Amino acid sequence: MPIEITGLLEEFSQRGPGSIQRAQAAFAPLRHALHVYLRQQEGTDQYERQQIAIQRKERHKSLDAARMGHEEAVQASRAYRGALTSAIKKKLVDVAAEFDRLDTTYGGYGASLQYDEPPPPADPTEAWDWKVTPMWRRAQGRRPIPYNRRANTAQIDDRAIKLVCAAAAASGTGRPLVLVLDELGRNLGKQHRREAVALLGQIGRDRSITVIGALQDDMEPYAIDACGQYVKLRRSSDSSPYNEQPVVVGYDEHAPRVELLRAWLTSNEYREPA
């Protein structure tokens, strides 16, 4: 509020002797000052209304564009999720079919995978978990039983080997496959260990899969019988930071390939024990 108007208001509002005359004298100047002030405010308000209208129009355009972009993003995400769902289902179907073939080929009665399509999460940042349950028949003509039902560890490890190989074989890349496994057969008895390692070696040879497995010392006899190459790492004591020279046992029907390996090892300062 301008100082002129506040001063006239104080003069107009004063009480006491002669207040009526002072009020009447101050009325005309106060009216003129208010008129000028309001005209000025009218221009300012009109300009601000114009700016608000322009900004509101721009905001509406931005909002319409954002809504259109959001709808396009929703449609694109639905299409992508549909394609991804189809790809996941196809992969699971391929793995299940290969799992069944491996099981029936190598001593089983048929196997499969059980899964349900989970609903997509509302938030795209949340995980979209698919739960897959391996199943196999315990006997000819029986219905498939999930892996987590009562079964001995030999059966579970046998199907685990087949399932891993099935997943690798169903990759469909057309490139050479390599499986790296750790502690194979650690929960199995003597006969089942032999069978597990032999099965893995047989599937690897039949399906052209290179299998690299890390085993404990007690698996050595089974590994040497089943694999094409066996590397034994030795350490003299816990205080030694380095291993001793490895022991390499290789089996290959092509003798020149064995000689190439021998030459490579000896050229890298590996020496056979005397």
Protein backbone atom coordinates (compact mmCIF):
# COMPACT_ATOMS: atom_id res chain seq x y z
CA MET A 1 0.00 0.00 0.00
CA PRO A 2 1.45 3.42 -0.93
CA ILE A 3 2.44 5.75 1.92
CA GLU A 4 0.09 8.45 0.55
CA ILE A 5 -2.92 6.22 0.98
CA THR A 6 -1.95 5.00 4.44
CA GLY A 7 -1.46 8.64 5.58
CA LEU A 8 -4.84 9.70 4.23
CA LEU A 9 -6.48 6.65 5.84
CA GLU A 10 -5.03 7.60 9.22
CA GLU A 11 -6.25 11.19 8.77
CA PHE A 12 -9.68 9.96 7.65
CA SER A 13 -9.96 7.61 10.64
CA GLN A 14 -8.92 10.06 13.36
CA ARG A 15 -11.37 10.77 16.18
CA GLY A 16 -11.82 13.80 18.32
CA PRO A 17 -12.83 17.43 17.87
CA GLY A 18 -13.08 18.37 14.19
CA SER A 19 -12.79 14.75 13.02
CA ILE A 20 -15.80 15.11 10.71
CA GLN A 21 -14.30 18.08 8.92
CA ARG A 22 -10.91 16.35 8.62
CA ALA A 23 -12.56 13.23 7.25
CA GLN A 24 -14.52 15.19 4.69
CA ALA A 25 -11.37 17.04 3.64
CA ALA A 26 -9.40 13.79 3.34
CA PHE A 27 -12.10 11.89 1.44
CA ALA A 28 -11.51 13.40 -1.99
CA PRO A 29 -7.70 12.97 -1.96
CA LEU A 30 -8.11 9.43 -0.54
CA ARG A 31 -10.60 8.55 -3.29
CA HIS A 32 -8.26 9.86 -5.99
CA ALA A 33 -5.23 8.05 -4.55
CA LEU A 34 -7.16 4.76 -4.34
CA HIS A 35 -8.39 5.21 -7.92
CA VAL A 36 -4.85 5.69 -9.21
CA TYR A 37 -3.54 2.75 -7.17
CA LEU A 38 -6.28 0.39 -8.32
CA ARG A 39 -5.77 1.37 -11.97
CA GLN A 40 -2.11 0.50 -11.59
CA GLN A 41 -3.00 -2.83 -9.94
CA GLU A 42 -5.50 -3.54 -12.70
CA GLY A 43 -2.75 -3.36 -15.31
CA THR A 44 -0.48 -5.59 -13.24
CA ASP A 45 -3.26 -8.11 -12.65
CA GLN A 46 -4.16 -8.18 -16.34
CA TYR A 47 -0.53 -8.86 -17.30
CA GLU A 48 -0.26 -11.63 -14.70
CA ARG A 49 -3.52 -13.18 -15.92
CA GLN A 50 -2.15 -13.23 -19.45
CA GLN A 51 1.05 -14.90 -18.26
CA ILE A 52 -0.92 -17.47 -16.26
CA ALA A 53 -3.08 -18.24 -19.31
CA ILE A 54 0.01 -18.70 -21.50
CA GLN A 55 1.69 -20.96 -18.91
CA ARG A 56 -1.49 -22.94 -18.42
CA LYS A 57 -1.77 -23.50 -22.18
CA GLU A 58 1.85 -24.66 -22.33
CA ARG A 59 1.34 -26.93 -19.32
CA HIS A 60 -1.72 -28.49 -20.96
CA LYS A 61 0.30 -29.15 -24.12
CA SER A 62 3.09 -30.72 -22.05
CA LEU A 63 0.57 -32.80 -20.10
CA ASP A 64 -1.08 -34.04 -23.32
CA ALA A 65 2.33 -34.94 -24.75
CA ALA A 66 3.28 -36.72 -21.51
CA ARG A 67 0.03 -38.68 -21.54
CA MET A 68 0.61 -39.68 -25.15
CA GLY A 69 4.19 -40.70 -24.37
CA HIS A 70 3.05 -42.66 -21.34
CA GLU A 71 0.45 -44.53 -23.40
CA GLU A 72 3.05 -45.34 -26.06
CA ALA A 73 5.43 -46.54 -23.34
CA VAL A 74 2.68 -48.72 -21.84
CA GLN A 75 1.94 -50.28 -25.24
CA ALA A 76 5.65 -50.81 -25.92
CA SER A 77 6.19 -52.40 -22.50
CA ARG A 78 3.24 -54.72 -23.04
CA ALA A 79 4.57 -55.77 -26.42
CA TYR A 80 8.07 -56.27 -24.96
CA ARG A 81 6.72 -58.20 -22.00
CA GLY A 82 4.66 -60.38 -24.35
CA ALA A 83 7.69 -61.12 -26.50
CA LEU A 84 9.80 -61.80 -23.42
CA THR A 85 7.14 -64.11 -22.00
CA SER A 86 6.98 -66.05 -25.27
CA ALA A 87 10.77 -66.34 -25.36
CA ILE A 88 10.93 -67.59 -21.76
CA LYS A 89 8.18 -70.14 -22.39
CA LYS A 90 9.86 -71.37 -25.56
CA LYS A 91 13.17 -71.73 -23.76
CA LEU A 92 11.54 -73.68 -20.93
CA VAL A 93 9.75 -75.90 -23.45
CA ASP A 94 13.04 -76.59 -25.24
CA VAL A 95 14.86 -77.34 -21.97
CA ALA A 96 12.01 -79.61 -20.81
CA ALA A 97 12.04 -81.53 -24.10
CA GLU A 98 15.83 -81.95 -23.95
CA PHE A 99 15.58 -82.92 -20.27
CA ASP A 100 13.07 -85.63 -21.15
CA ARG A 101 15.24 -86.91 -24.04
CA LEU A 102 18.34 -87.11 -21.87
CA ASP A 103 16.49 -88.85 -19.07
CA THR A 104 14.94 -91.50 -21.31
CA THR A 105 18.20 -91.95 -23.25
CA TYR A 106 20.36 -92.44 -20.17
CA GLY A 107 18.44 -94.82 -17.98
CA GLY A 108 15.42 -92.79 -16.83
CA TYR A 109 11.67 -92.97 -17.43
CA GLY A 110 11.03 -89.42 -18.59
CA ALA A 111 11.34 -85.96 -17.07
CA SER A 112 9.75 -82.54 -17.45
CA LEU A 113 9.56 -79.03 -16.04
CA GLN A 114 6.53 -77.61 -14.27
CA TYR A 115 6.00 -73.85 -14.24
CA ASP A 116 3.28 -71.21 -14.25
CA GLU A 117 3.41 -67.81 -15.88
CA PRO A 118 3.66 -65.29 -13.02
CA PRO A 119 1.74 -62.01 -13.24
CA PRO A 120 3.95 -59.10 -14.23
CA PRO A 121 4.87 -56.75 -11.38
CA ALA A 122 3.10 -53.39 -11.15
CA ASP A 123 6.43 -51.65 -10.69
CA PRO A 124 8.91 -52.30 -13.54
CA THR A 125 11.80 -52.08 -11.07
CA GLU A 126 10.52 -55.11 -9.13
CA ALA A 127 11.76 -58.62 -9.90
CA TRP A 128 9.67 -60.82 -12.18
CA ASP A 129 10.29 -64.25 -10.68
CA TRP A 130 9.53 -67.46 -12.57
CA LYS A 131 9.40 -70.61 -10.46
CA VAL A 132 10.34 -73.80 -12.30
CA THR A 133 10.08 -77.24 -10.72
CA PRO A 134 12.00 -80.20 -12.27
CA MET A 135 9.98 -83.43 -12.28
CA TRP A 136 10.67 -87.01 -13.33
CA ARG A 137 9.10 -90.46 -13.25
CA ARG A 138 10.39 -92.83 -10.60
CA ALA A 139 9.22 -95.89 -12.56
CA GLN A 140 7.80 -96.81 -15.94
CA GLY A 141 4.23 -95.59 -16.38
CA ARG A 142 4.20 -93.54 -13.17
CA ARG A 143 3.27 -89.88 -13.09
CA PRO A 144 6.08 -87.31 -12.78
CA ILE A 145 7.04 -86.39 -9.22
CA PRO A 146 8.64 -83.03 -8.24
CA TYR A 147 12.31 -83.11 -7.31
CA ASN A 148 11.61 -81.92 -3.75
CA ARG A 149 9.53 -84.99 -2.94
CA ARG A 150 11.24 -87.80 -1.08
CA ALA A 151 14.07 -89.19 -3.22
CA ASN A 152 17.60 -90.42 -2.67
CA THR A 153 20.53 -88.13 -3.42
CA ALA A 154 21.70 -90.33 -6.28
CA GLN A 155 18.47 -89.72 -8.18
CA ILE A 156 18.63 -86.00 -7.48
CA ASP A 157 22.25 -85.70 -8.64
CA ASP A 158 21.54 -87.84 -11.69
CA ARG A 159 18.68 -85.54 -12.76
CA ALA A 160 20.67 -82.45 -11.85
CA ILE A 161 23.39 -83.51 -14.30
CA LYS A 162 20.80 -84.17 -17.00
CA LEU A 163 19.02 -80.88 -16.36
CA VAL A 164 22.23 -78.85 -16.53
CA CYS A 165 23.22 -80.57 -19.76
CA ALA A 166 19.68 -80.09 -21.14
CA ALA A 167 19.82 -76.36 -20.41
CA ALA A 168 23.16 -76.12 -22.17
CA ALA A 169 22.09 -78.21 -25.16
CA ALA A 170 18.87 -76.20 -25.55
CA SER A 171 20.72 -72.90 -25.70
CA GLY A 172 20.53 -72.99 -29.48
CA THR A 173 23.61 -70.83 -29.99
CA GLY A 174 25.29 -73.28 -32.33
CA ARG A 175 28.62 -72.53 -30.68
CA PRO A 176 30.78 -74.97 -28.67
CA LEU A 177 29.42 -75.40 -25.15
CA VAL A 178 31.41 -75.54 -21.92
CA LEU A 179 30.03 -76.56 -18.52
CA VAL A 180 31.96 -75.72 -15.36
CA LEU A 181 30.87 -77.80 -12.35
CA ASP A 182 32.03 -77.87 -8.75
CA GLU A 183 32.01 -80.71 -6.22
CA LEU A 184 30.23 -83.23 -8.42
CA GLY A 185 29.03 -86.30 -6.54
CA ARG A 186 30.10 -85.10 -3.09
CA ASN A 187 26.95 -86.55 -1.47
CA LEU A 188 27.03 -89.88 -3.29
CA GLY A 189 28.32 -93.30 -2.44
CA LYS A 190 31.03 -95.15 -4.33
CA GLN A 191 28.88 -96.74 -7.03
CA HIS A 192 26.71 -93.68 -7.56
CA ARG A 193 29.81 -91.48 -7.86
CA ARG A 194 31.12 -93.68 -10.62
CA GLU A 195 27.75 -93.58 -12.39
CA ALA A 196 27.41 -89.80 -12.03
CA VAL A 197 30.84 -89.04 -13.48
CA ALA A 198 30.37 -91.60 -16.24
CA LEU A 199 26.97 -90.13 -17.11
CA LEU A 200 28.38 -86.63 -17.30
CA GLY A 201 31.24 -87.78 -19.52
CA GLN A 202 28.91 -89.74 -21.78
CA ILE A 203 26.46 -86.86 -22.24
CA GLY A 204 29.35 -84.49 -22.88
CA ARG A 205 30.76 -86.70 -25.61
CA ASP A 206 27.38 -87.40 -27.23
CA ARG A 207 26.28 -83.73 -27.18
CA SER A 208 29.69 -82.19 -27.91
CA ILE A 209 29.81 -80.40 -24.55
CA THR A 210 33.16 -79.74 -22.90
CA VAL A 211 32.79 -80.36 -19.17
CA ILE A 212 35.26 -78.94 -16.67
CA GLY A 213 34.72 -80.21 -13.13
CA ALA A 214 36.47 -79.53 -9.83
CA LEU A 215 36.56 -82.68 -7.68
CA GLN A 216 38.02 -83.77 -4.36
CA ASP A 217 40.81 -86.33 -4.16
CA ASP A 218 38.46 -89.22 -3.38
CA MET A 219 36.81 -88.72 -6.81
CA GLU A 220 40.11 -89.22 -8.63
CA PRO A 221 39.62 -92.86 -9.70
CA TYR A 222 36.19 -92.14 -11.16
CA ALA A 223 37.33 -88.99 -12.93
CA ILE A 224 40.35 -90.65 -14.54
CA ASP A 225 38.15 -93.45 -15.90
CA ALA A 226 35.49 -91.12 -17.31
CA CYS A 227 37.24 -88.00 -18.57
CA GLY A 228 39.56 -87.21 -21.44
CA GLN A 229 41.96 -85.19 -19.35
CA TYR A 230 42.63 -85.10 -15.62
CA VAL A 231 44.66 -82.38 -13.88
CA LYS A 232 45.63 -82.93 -10.25
CA LEU A 233 46.74 -79.87 -8.28
CA ARG A 234 48.93 -80.55 -5.23
CA ARG A 235 50.16 -78.42 -2.36
CA SER A 236 52.92 -79.53 -0.04
CA SER A 237 51.65 -77.72 3.07
CA ASP A 238 49.26 -74.99 4.20
CA SER A 239 52.22 -72.68 4.74
CA SER A 240 53.26 -72.89 1.08
CA PRO A 241 51.78 -70.12 -1.09
CA TYR A 242 52.24 -72.14 -4.28
CA ASN A 243 51.07 -75.51 -5.53
CA GLU A 244 53.43 -78.23 -6.58
CA GLN A 245 53.74 -79.20 -10.22
CA PRO A 246 50.36 -80.52 -11.41
CA VAL A 247 49.88 -84.10 -12.46
CA VAL A 248 48.20 -84.28 -15.88
CA VAL A 249 46.66 -87.51 -17.15
CA GLY A 250 45.22 -87.37 -20.67
CA TYR A 251 43.33 -89.78 -22.86
CA ASP A 252 42.92 -89.09 -26.54
CA GLU A 253 42.52 -91.38 -29.49
CA HIS A 254 44.61 -88.97 -31.55
CA ALA A 255 48.23 -89.39 -30.43
CA PRO A 256 49.53 -86.22 -32.15
CA ARG A 257 47.18 -84.14 -30.03
CA VAL A 258 48.65 -85.65 -26.88
CA GLU A 259 52.14 -84.79 -28.08
CA LEU A 260 51.07 -81.19 -28.76
CA LEU A 261 49.83 -80.91 -25.20
CA ARG A 262 53.03 -82.43 -23.85
CA ALA A 263 55.11 -79.95 -25.84
CA TRP A 264 53.06 -77.03 -24.60
CA LEU A 265 53.34 -78.07 -20.97
CA THR A 266 57.08 -78.66 -21.12
CA SER A 267 57.67 -75.37 -22.93
CA ASN A 268 56.06 -73.59 -19.98
CA GLU A 269 58.62 -75.10 -17.58
CA TYR A 270 56.41 -77.96 -16.46
CA ARG A 271 58.42 -81.16 -16.04
CA GLU A 272 57.32 -84.68 -15.48
CA PRO A 273 58.45 -86.13 -12.13
CA ALA A 274 61.51 -88.34 -12.43
